[in-house]
Amino acid sequence: MHEALRVIITGGTFDKAYDSLKGELTLSRTHLPAILESVRCSVPLVLEICRLLDSLQMGDEDRFAVRDACAASPERKIVITHGTDTMVQTAAVIAEASLDRTVVLTGAMVPYSVTGSDALFNLGAAVTAAQLLPRGVYISMHGRIYESARVIKNRERGVFEEVTID
């Protein structure tokens, strides 16, 4: 029997959908149940909606709520779907708590609901990483795993990059 893994949902581009009335991408619900059914994920997962926000709208109170959700989780392996713009900041808040958990944040540059999305690939990598990595906080994007204190989002290139710490 596999140990259950918790997925904490915070919104971000991952869960955005096109609203034809407004003519824009909006957040109103999560796509995670449909995604997990379509990919036939066999890992036991517990889904928890913590927020449904664009990460640019997240403040300290929201980041603390995500941290507290991680601390309260009975599962020791956690994946967080999060907007990419402030994912590194939320990861830092969680890391400061020194939780006895493996926490992997992931997101998408293109919404799941849009053709060519990276959401499925990133989610699959994060679920696998959470099962294999030791205790700590990580970011999983585009096939790479970064320690949370050693990564930045390069907004000009639209990629995450490892940074060296002196």
N, C-alpha and C. Protein backbone atom coordinates (compact mmCIF):
# COMPACT_ATOMS: atom_id res chain seq x y z
N MET A 1 0.84 -1.19 0.00
CA MET A 1 0.00 0.00 0.00
C MET A 1 0.88 1.24 0.00
N HIS A 2 0.59 2.16 -0.88
CA HIS A 2 1.34 3.41 -0.98
C HIS A 2 0.85 4.41 0.06
N GLU A 3 1.79 5.17 0.58
CA GLU A 3 1.47 6.25 1.51
C GLU A 3 0.71 7.34 0.74
N ALA A 4 -0.35 7.85 1.34
CA ALA A 4 -1.13 8.91 0.70
C ALA A 4 -0.31 10.20 0.62
N LEU A 5 -0.60 10.97 -0.37
CA LEU A 5 0.06 12.24 -0.62
C LEU A 5 -1.01 13.32 -0.64
N ARG A 6 -0.77 14.45 -0.02
CA ARG A 6 -1.73 15.55 -0.01
C ARG A 6 -1.38 16.53 -1.13
N VAL A 7 -2.40 16.99 -1.86
CA VAL A 7 -2.23 18.05 -2.86
C VAL A 7 -2.98 19.27 -2.35
N ILE A 8 -2.23 20.32 -2.05
CA ILE A 8 -2.81 21.57 -1.60
C ILE A 8 -2.91 22.50 -2.80
N ILE A 9 -4.11 22.93 -3.08
CA ILE A 9 -4.42 23.72 -4.28
C ILE A 9 -4.51 25.19 -3.89
N THR A 10 -3.77 26.04 -4.62
CA THR A 10 -3.83 27.48 -4.34
C THR A 10 -4.27 28.30 -5.54
N GLY A 11 -4.46 27.65 -6.68
CA GLY A 11 -4.89 28.38 -7.88
C GLY A 11 -3.75 28.59 -8.84
N GLY A 12 -3.54 29.83 -9.23
CA GLY A 12 -2.48 30.15 -10.19
C GLY A 12 -2.90 29.82 -11.61
N THR A 13 -1.99 30.02 -12.52
CA THR A 13 -2.26 29.75 -13.94
C THR A 13 -2.71 28.32 -14.15
N PHE A 14 -2.20 27.40 -13.36
CA PHE A 14 -2.55 25.98 -13.43
C PHE A 14 -4.07 25.80 -13.54
N ASP A 15 -4.83 26.52 -12.73
CA ASP A 15 -6.29 26.34 -12.66
C ASP A 15 -7.10 27.40 -13.40
N LYS A 16 -6.45 28.27 -14.14
CA LYS A 16 -7.20 29.29 -14.86
C LYS A 16 -7.94 28.68 -16.05
N ALA A 17 -9.07 29.30 -16.38
CA ALA A 17 -9.88 28.88 -17.54
C ALA A 17 -10.36 30.14 -18.25
N TYR A 18 -10.58 30.02 -19.53
CA TYR A 18 -11.03 31.17 -20.31
C TYR A 18 -12.51 31.42 -20.06
N ASP A 19 -12.83 32.64 -19.65
CA ASP A 19 -14.20 33.08 -19.44
C ASP A 19 -14.62 33.87 -20.67
N SER A 20 -15.48 33.27 -21.51
CA SER A 20 -15.86 33.91 -22.77
C SER A 20 -16.70 35.16 -22.57
N LEU A 21 -17.40 35.27 -21.45
CA LEU A 21 -18.18 36.48 -21.18
C LEU A 21 -17.29 37.65 -20.81
N LYS A 22 -16.25 37.39 -20.03
CA LYS A 22 -15.33 38.44 -19.63
C LYS A 22 -14.19 38.62 -20.63
N GLY A 23 -13.96 37.59 -21.44
CA GLY A 23 -12.87 37.65 -22.41
C GLY A 23 -11.50 37.58 -21.75
N GLU A 24 -11.42 36.85 -20.64
CA GLU A 24 -10.15 36.75 -19.92
C GLU A 24 -10.04 35.42 -19.20
N LEU A 25 -8.83 35.13 -18.74
CA LEU A 25 -8.61 33.93 -17.94
C LEU A 25 -9.01 34.23 -16.50
N THR A 26 -9.79 33.32 -15.91
CA THR A 26 -10.27 33.51 -14.54
C THR A 26 -10.06 32.25 -13.72
N LEU A 27 -10.21 32.40 -12.41
CA LEU A 27 -10.14 31.27 -11.48
C LEU A 27 -11.48 31.13 -10.79
N SER A 28 -12.15 29.99 -10.99
CA SER A 28 -13.42 29.77 -10.32
C SER A 28 -13.52 28.38 -9.71
N ARG A 29 -12.67 27.45 -10.19
CA ARG A 29 -12.67 26.08 -9.66
C ARG A 29 -11.34 25.44 -10.01
N THR A 30 -11.06 24.31 -9.40
CA THR A 30 -9.83 23.60 -9.71
C THR A 30 -10.07 22.53 -10.77
N HIS A 31 -9.06 22.29 -11.55
CA HIS A 31 -9.10 21.24 -12.58
C HIS A 31 -8.51 19.93 -12.06
N LEU A 32 -8.00 19.92 -10.83
CA LEU A 32 -7.27 18.75 -10.34
C LEU A 32 -8.04 17.44 -10.39
N PRO A 33 -9.31 17.37 -9.97
CA PRO A 33 -10.00 16.07 -10.06
C PRO A 33 -10.05 15.54 -11.49
N ALA A 34 -10.34 16.39 -12.45
CA ALA A 34 -10.40 15.96 -13.85
C ALA A 34 -9.02 15.56 -14.36
N ILE A 35 -8.00 16.31 -13.97
CA ILE A 35 -6.63 15.98 -14.38
C ILE A 35 -6.24 14.61 -13.86
N LEU A 36 -6.46 14.39 -12.59
CA LEU A 36 -6.04 13.12 -11.98
C LEU A 36 -6.78 11.93 -12.56
N GLU A 37 -8.04 12.13 -12.90
CA GLU A 37 -8.79 11.05 -13.55
C GLU A 37 -8.24 10.78 -14.94
N SER A 38 -7.94 11.83 -15.69
CA SER A 38 -7.48 11.64 -17.08
C SER A 38 -6.10 11.01 -17.16
N VAL A 39 -5.23 11.26 -16.18
CA VAL A 39 -3.88 10.70 -16.23
C VAL A 39 -3.78 9.35 -15.52
N ARG A 40 -4.90 8.92 -14.92
CA ARG A 40 -4.96 7.62 -14.25
C ARG A 40 -3.93 7.50 -13.11
N CYS A 41 -3.81 8.55 -12.35
CA CYS A 41 -2.88 8.56 -11.22
C CYS A 41 -3.26 7.46 -10.24
N SER A 42 -2.32 6.58 -9.91
CA SER A 42 -2.61 5.48 -9.00
C SER A 42 -2.10 5.75 -7.58
N VAL A 43 -1.49 6.90 -7.37
CA VAL A 43 -1.04 7.28 -6.03
C VAL A 43 -2.25 7.77 -5.25
N PRO A 44 -2.45 7.29 -4.02
CA PRO A 44 -3.57 7.80 -3.23
C PRO A 44 -3.33 9.28 -2.89
N LEU A 45 -4.24 10.12 -3.32
CA LEU A 45 -4.11 11.57 -3.13
C LEU A 45 -5.28 12.12 -2.34
N VAL A 46 -4.99 13.08 -1.49
CA VAL A 46 -6.01 13.82 -0.76
C VAL A 46 -5.93 15.25 -1.27
N LEU A 47 -7.03 15.76 -1.85
CA LEU A 47 -7.03 17.12 -2.39
C LEU A 47 -7.58 18.09 -1.36
N GLU A 48 -6.93 19.24 -1.24
CA GLU A 48 -7.36 20.28 -0.32
C GLU A 48 -7.26 21.63 -1.03
N ILE A 49 -8.38 22.31 -1.16
CA ILE A 49 -8.35 23.66 -1.73
C ILE A 49 -8.07 24.64 -0.59
N CYS A 50 -6.94 25.29 -0.67
CA CYS A 50 -6.55 26.27 0.35
C CYS A 50 -6.90 27.68 -0.12
N ARG A 51 -6.65 27.94 -1.38
CA ARG A 51 -6.94 29.23 -2.02
C ARG A 51 -7.22 28.96 -3.50
N LEU A 52 -7.88 29.90 -4.15
CA LEU A 52 -7.97 29.89 -5.62
C LEU A 52 -7.65 31.32 -6.06
N LEU A 53 -6.35 31.61 -6.09
CA LEU A 53 -5.88 32.96 -6.39
C LEU A 53 -4.81 32.94 -7.45
N ASP A 54 -4.71 34.04 -8.18
CA ASP A 54 -3.52 34.30 -8.98
C ASP A 54 -2.43 34.60 -7.95
N SER A 55 -1.24 34.06 -8.12
CA SER A 55 -0.23 34.23 -7.08
C SER A 55 0.20 35.69 -6.91
N LEU A 56 -0.04 36.52 -7.90
CA LEU A 56 0.27 37.95 -7.75
C LEU A 56 -0.68 38.61 -6.75
N GLN A 57 -1.82 37.97 -6.48
CA GLN A 57 -2.78 38.49 -5.51
C GLN A 57 -2.52 37.95 -4.10
N MET A 58 -1.57 37.03 -3.96
CA MET A 58 -1.29 36.43 -2.66
C MET A 58 -0.52 37.40 -1.79
N GLY A 59 -0.93 37.48 -0.53
CA GLY A 59 -0.21 38.26 0.46
C GLY A 59 0.35 37.36 1.54
N ASP A 60 0.94 37.97 2.53
CA ASP A 60 1.53 37.18 3.62
C ASP A 60 0.50 36.29 4.29
N GLU A 61 -0.70 36.80 4.51
CA GLU A 61 -1.74 36.01 5.17
C GLU A 61 -2.05 34.73 4.36
N ASP A 62 -2.07 34.85 3.03
CA ASP A 62 -2.31 33.68 2.17
C ASP A 62 -1.15 32.70 2.27
N ARG A 63 0.08 33.20 2.26
CA ARG A 63 1.25 32.32 2.37
C ARG A 63 1.27 31.59 3.72
N PHE A 64 0.90 32.31 4.78
CA PHE A 64 0.84 31.67 6.10
C PHE A 64 -0.24 30.59 6.12
N ALA A 65 -1.35 30.82 5.41
CA ALA A 65 -2.41 29.81 5.34
C ALA A 65 -1.92 28.55 4.63
N VAL A 66 -1.12 28.72 3.58
CA VAL A 66 -0.56 27.57 2.87
C VAL A 66 0.42 26.83 3.79
N ARG A 67 1.28 27.58 4.47
CA ARG A 67 2.21 26.98 5.43
C ARG A 67 1.45 26.20 6.51
N ASP A 68 0.39 26.81 7.05
CA ASP A 68 -0.38 26.15 8.10
C ASP A 68 -1.09 24.90 7.60
N ALA A 69 -1.53 24.92 6.34
CA ALA A 69 -2.14 23.73 5.75
C ALA A 69 -1.12 22.60 5.65
N CYS A 70 0.11 22.94 5.31
CA CYS A 70 1.18 21.93 5.27
C CYS A 70 1.43 21.36 6.67
N ALA A 71 1.50 22.24 7.66
CA ALA A 71 1.77 21.81 9.04
C ALA A 71 0.65 20.93 9.57
N ALA A 72 -0.58 21.22 9.18
CA ALA A 72 -1.74 20.47 9.68
C ALA A 72 -1.97 19.16 8.93
N SER A 73 -1.32 18.98 7.81
CA SER A 73 -1.53 17.78 7.00
C SER A 73 -1.07 16.53 7.73
N PRO A 74 -1.94 15.52 7.81
CA PRO A 74 -1.49 14.25 8.38
C PRO A 74 -0.54 13.51 7.43
N GLU A 75 -0.59 13.86 6.14
CA GLU A 75 0.31 13.25 5.16
C GLU A 75 1.67 13.97 5.24
N ARG A 76 2.72 13.21 5.14
CA ARG A 76 4.08 13.77 5.22
C ARG A 76 4.63 14.17 3.85
N LYS A 77 3.96 13.78 2.80
CA LYS A 77 4.36 14.11 1.43
C LYS A 77 3.29 15.03 0.85
N ILE A 78 3.70 16.22 0.39
CA ILE A 78 2.74 17.24 -0.04
C ILE A 78 3.17 17.85 -1.36
N VAL A 79 2.21 18.02 -2.26
CA VAL A 79 2.40 18.78 -3.49
C VAL A 79 1.50 20.00 -3.39
N ILE A 80 2.02 21.15 -3.79
CA ILE A 80 1.23 22.37 -3.79
C ILE A 80 1.18 22.90 -5.22
N THR A 81 -0.04 23.08 -5.76
CA THR A 81 -0.17 23.75 -7.05
C THR A 81 -0.27 25.24 -6.74
N HIS A 82 0.54 26.02 -7.44
CA HIS A 82 0.73 27.43 -7.08
C HIS A 82 1.04 28.23 -8.34
N GLY A 83 0.67 29.48 -8.34
CA GLY A 83 1.06 30.37 -9.42
C GLY A 83 2.57 30.55 -9.44
N THR A 84 3.14 30.65 -10.62
CA THR A 84 4.60 30.69 -10.74
C THR A 84 5.21 32.03 -10.34
N ASP A 85 4.43 33.11 -10.39
CA ASP A 85 5.01 34.43 -10.13
C ASP A 85 5.53 34.59 -8.71
N THR A 86 4.87 33.99 -7.73
CA THR A 86 5.32 34.14 -6.34
C THR A 86 5.53 32.79 -5.64
N MET A 87 5.71 31.76 -6.43
CA MET A 87 5.93 30.42 -5.88
C MET A 87 7.16 30.39 -4.98
N VAL A 88 8.22 31.07 -5.37
CA VAL A 88 9.46 31.07 -4.59
C VAL A 88 9.24 31.71 -3.22
N GLN A 89 8.43 32.77 -3.16
CA GLN A 89 8.16 33.44 -1.88
C GLN A 89 7.37 32.52 -0.94
N THR A 90 6.36 31.83 -1.48
CA THR A 90 5.58 30.91 -0.65
C THR A 90 6.46 29.76 -0.17
N ALA A 91 7.31 29.25 -1.05
CA ALA A 91 8.22 28.17 -0.66
C ALA A 91 9.12 28.62 0.49
N ALA A 92 9.57 29.86 0.47
CA ALA A 92 10.43 30.38 1.54
C ALA A 92 9.69 30.42 2.87
N VAL A 93 8.42 30.83 2.85
CA VAL A 93 7.62 30.86 4.08
C VAL A 93 7.46 29.45 4.65
N ILE A 94 7.21 28.49 3.79
CA ILE A 94 7.06 27.11 4.25
C ILE A 94 8.39 26.58 4.79
N ALA A 95 9.47 26.87 4.09
CA ALA A 95 10.79 26.39 4.51
C ALA A 95 11.17 26.95 5.87
N GLU A 96 10.83 28.19 6.15
CA GLU A 96 11.14 28.82 7.45
C GLU A 96 10.50 28.07 8.62
N ALA A 97 9.40 27.36 8.34
CA ALA A 97 8.70 26.63 9.40
C ALA A 97 9.41 25.32 9.78
N SER A 98 10.37 24.89 8.97
CA SER A 98 11.12 23.65 9.24
C SER A 98 10.21 22.47 9.57
N LEU A 99 9.23 22.25 8.72
CA LEU A 99 8.27 21.17 8.93
C LEU A 99 8.90 19.82 8.68
N ASP A 100 8.42 18.81 9.35
CA ASP A 100 8.87 17.45 9.11
C ASP A 100 8.06 16.86 7.96
N ARG A 101 8.22 17.45 6.78
CA ARG A 101 7.43 17.08 5.60
C ARG A 101 8.33 17.22 4.35
N THR A 102 7.93 16.55 3.30
CA THR A 102 8.47 16.80 1.98
C THR A 102 7.41 17.59 1.23
N VAL A 103 7.74 18.81 0.84
CA VAL A 103 6.78 19.70 0.19
C VAL A 103 7.35 20.09 -1.18
N VAL A 104 6.56 19.85 -2.22
CA VAL A 104 6.98 20.18 -3.58
C VAL A 104 5.94 21.11 -4.19
N LEU A 105 6.37 22.32 -4.55
CA LEU A 105 5.49 23.28 -5.22
C LEU A 105 5.66 23.16 -6.71
N THR A 106 4.56 23.26 -7.44
CA THR A 106 4.62 23.24 -8.89
C THR A 106 3.52 24.14 -9.44
N GLY A 107 3.61 24.43 -10.70
CA GLY A 107 2.61 25.29 -11.34
C GLY A 107 2.66 25.09 -12.84
N ALA A 108 2.17 26.07 -13.55
CA ALA A 108 2.14 26.00 -15.01
C ALA A 108 2.32 27.40 -15.59
N MET A 109 2.99 27.47 -16.70
CA MET A 109 3.12 28.74 -17.44
C MET A 109 1.91 28.94 -18.35
N VAL A 110 1.30 27.81 -18.75
CA VAL A 110 0.12 27.84 -19.61
C VAL A 110 -0.99 27.06 -18.89
N PRO A 111 -2.19 27.62 -18.77
CA PRO A 111 -3.27 26.93 -18.04
C PRO A 111 -3.56 25.53 -18.58
N TYR A 112 -3.95 24.64 -17.68
CA TYR A 112 -4.34 23.28 -18.07
C TYR A 112 -5.40 23.30 -19.16
N SER A 113 -6.31 24.25 -19.09
CA SER A 113 -7.44 24.30 -20.02
C SER A 113 -7.05 24.80 -21.41
N VAL A 114 -5.80 25.16 -21.61
CA VAL A 114 -5.33 25.69 -22.89
C VAL A 114 -4.41 24.67 -23.56
N THR A 115 -4.57 24.48 -24.85
CA THR A 115 -3.72 23.55 -25.60
C THR A 115 -2.26 23.94 -25.43
N GLY A 116 -1.42 22.95 -25.20
CA GLY A 116 0.01 23.20 -25.04
C GLY A 116 0.41 23.49 -23.61
N SER A 117 -0.48 23.21 -22.67
CA SER A 117 -0.18 23.46 -21.26
C SER A 117 0.93 22.55 -20.75
N ASP A 118 1.71 23.08 -19.85
CA ASP A 118 2.74 22.31 -19.17
C ASP A 118 2.25 21.75 -17.83
N ALA A 119 0.98 21.95 -17.52
CA ALA A 119 0.43 21.58 -16.21
C ALA A 119 0.55 20.07 -15.94
N LEU A 120 0.16 19.23 -16.87
CA LEU A 120 0.20 17.78 -16.64
C LEU A 120 1.61 17.29 -16.38
N PHE A 121 2.54 17.74 -17.19
CA PHE A 121 3.94 17.33 -17.04
C PHE A 121 4.48 17.76 -15.68
N ASN A 122 4.22 19.01 -15.32
CA ASN A 122 4.73 19.53 -14.05
C ASN A 122 4.09 18.83 -12.85
N LEU A 123 2.80 18.57 -12.92
CA LEU A 123 2.12 17.89 -11.82
C LEU A 123 2.67 16.47 -11.65
N GLY A 124 2.82 15.75 -12.75
CA GLY A 124 3.35 14.39 -12.67
C GLY A 124 4.75 14.35 -12.08
N ALA A 125 5.58 15.29 -12.48
CA ALA A 125 6.94 15.35 -11.92
C ALA A 125 6.90 15.67 -10.43
N ALA A 126 6.01 16.57 -10.03
CA ALA A 126 5.93 16.96 -8.62
C ALA A 126 5.43 15.80 -7.75
N VAL A 127 4.44 15.06 -8.23
CA VAL A 127 3.92 13.92 -7.48
C VAL A 127 5.03 12.87 -7.30
N THR A 128 5.77 12.62 -8.35
CA THR A 128 6.88 11.66 -8.26
C THR A 128 7.97 12.18 -7.32
N ALA A 129 8.33 13.46 -7.47
CA ALA A 129 9.38 14.04 -6.63
C ALA A 129 9.00 13.99 -5.15
N ALA A 130 7.75 14.28 -4.83
CA ALA A 130 7.32 14.27 -3.43
C ALA A 130 7.46 12.89 -2.81
N GLN A 131 7.32 11.85 -3.61
CA GLN A 131 7.46 10.49 -3.09
C GLN A 131 8.91 10.10 -2.87
N LEU A 132 9.82 10.71 -3.60
CA LEU A 132 11.22 10.27 -3.60
C LEU A 132 12.18 11.17 -2.82
N LEU A 133 11.86 12.44 -2.69
CA LEU A 133 12.78 13.38 -2.06
C LEU A 133 12.75 13.29 -0.54
N PRO A 134 13.87 13.64 0.11
CA PRO A 134 13.87 13.70 1.57
C PRO A 134 13.10 14.93 2.06
N ARG A 135 12.90 14.99 3.36
CA ARG A 135 12.23 16.12 4.00
C ARG A 135 12.85 17.43 3.49
N GLY A 136 11.98 18.42 3.21
CA GLY A 136 12.45 19.72 2.74
C GLY A 136 11.40 20.36 1.86
N VAL A 137 11.73 21.51 1.30
CA VAL A 137 10.81 22.25 0.44
C VAL A 137 11.48 22.43 -0.91
N TYR A 138 10.75 22.08 -1.97
CA TYR A 138 11.30 22.06 -3.32
C TYR A 138 10.34 22.72 -4.30
N ILE A 139 10.88 23.09 -5.45
CA ILE A 139 10.06 23.56 -6.57
C ILE A 139 10.35 22.65 -7.74
N SER A 140 9.28 22.17 -8.38
CA SER A 140 9.39 21.28 -9.54
C SER A 140 8.74 21.96 -10.73
N MET A 141 9.57 22.29 -11.72
CA MET A 141 9.06 22.91 -12.94
C MET A 141 9.84 22.38 -14.14
N HIS A 142 9.11 22.00 -15.18
CA HIS A 142 9.67 21.63 -16.48
C HIS A 142 10.74 20.55 -16.40
N GLY A 143 10.48 19.54 -15.55
CA GLY A 143 11.37 18.39 -15.47
C GLY A 143 12.55 18.58 -14.54
N ARG A 144 12.63 19.70 -13.86
CA ARG A 144 13.73 19.95 -12.93
C ARG A 144 13.19 20.12 -11.51
N ILE A 145 14.03 19.75 -10.55
CA ILE A 145 13.70 19.91 -9.13
C ILE A 145 14.73 20.86 -8.54
N TYR A 146 14.23 21.86 -7.82
CA TYR A 146 15.11 22.85 -7.20
C TYR A 146 14.86 22.87 -5.69
N GLU A 147 15.92 23.02 -4.91
CA GLU A 147 15.75 23.31 -3.49
C GLU A 147 15.16 24.72 -3.42
N SER A 148 14.20 24.92 -2.52
CA SER A 148 13.46 26.18 -2.51
C SER A 148 14.34 27.41 -2.29
N ALA A 149 15.44 27.27 -1.57
CA ALA A 149 16.31 28.42 -1.31
C ALA A 149 17.31 28.67 -2.44
N ARG A 150 17.27 27.82 -3.46
CA ARG A 150 18.28 27.92 -4.53
C ARG A 150 17.64 28.11 -5.90
N VAL A 151 16.50 28.79 -5.94
CA VAL A 151 15.82 28.94 -7.23
C VAL A 151 15.20 30.33 -7.34
N ILE A 152 15.16 30.83 -8.56
CA ILE A 152 14.45 32.07 -8.88
C ILE A 152 13.65 31.83 -10.15
N LYS A 153 12.64 32.66 -10.36
CA LYS A 153 11.95 32.65 -11.64
C LYS A 153 12.54 33.78 -12.47
N ASN A 154 13.11 33.41 -13.61
CA ASN A 154 13.64 34.39 -14.54
C ASN A 154 12.46 34.84 -15.41
N ARG A 155 11.91 36.00 -15.09
CA ARG A 155 10.71 36.50 -15.77
C ARG A 155 10.97 36.85 -17.24
N GLU A 156 12.18 37.27 -17.55
CA GLU A 156 12.50 37.62 -18.94
C GLU A 156 12.50 36.39 -19.84
N ARG A 157 12.98 35.27 -19.31
CA ARG A 157 13.05 34.03 -20.09
C ARG A 157 11.87 33.12 -19.85
N GLY A 158 11.09 33.37 -18.78
CA GLY A 158 9.94 32.53 -18.46
C GLY A 158 10.33 31.14 -18.00
N VAL A 159 11.43 31.05 -17.23
CA VAL A 159 11.92 29.76 -16.74
C VAL A 159 12.38 29.91 -15.29
N PHE A 160 12.48 28.79 -14.61
CA PHE A 160 13.06 28.77 -13.27
C PHE A 160 14.53 28.40 -13.42
N GLU A 161 15.36 29.03 -12.59
CA GLU A 161 16.80 28.80 -12.68
C GLU A 161 17.38 28.60 -11.28
N GLU A 162 18.37 27.74 -11.21
CA GLU A 162 19.06 27.53 -9.94
C GLU A 162 20.01 28.69 -9.70
N VAL A 163 20.09 29.11 -8.44
CA VAL A 163 21.02 30.16 -8.06
C VAL A 163 22.02 29.57 -7.08
N THR A 164 23.23 30.11 -7.10
CA THR A 164 24.24 29.63 -6.16
C THR A 164 24.19 30.49 -4.90
N ILE A 165 24.44 29.85 -3.79
CA ILE A 165 24.44 30.53 -2.50
C ILE A 165 25.87 30.55 -2.00
N ASP A 166 26.37 31.72 -1.71
CA ASP A 166 27.76 31.84 -1.23
C ASP A 166 27.86 31.54 0.24
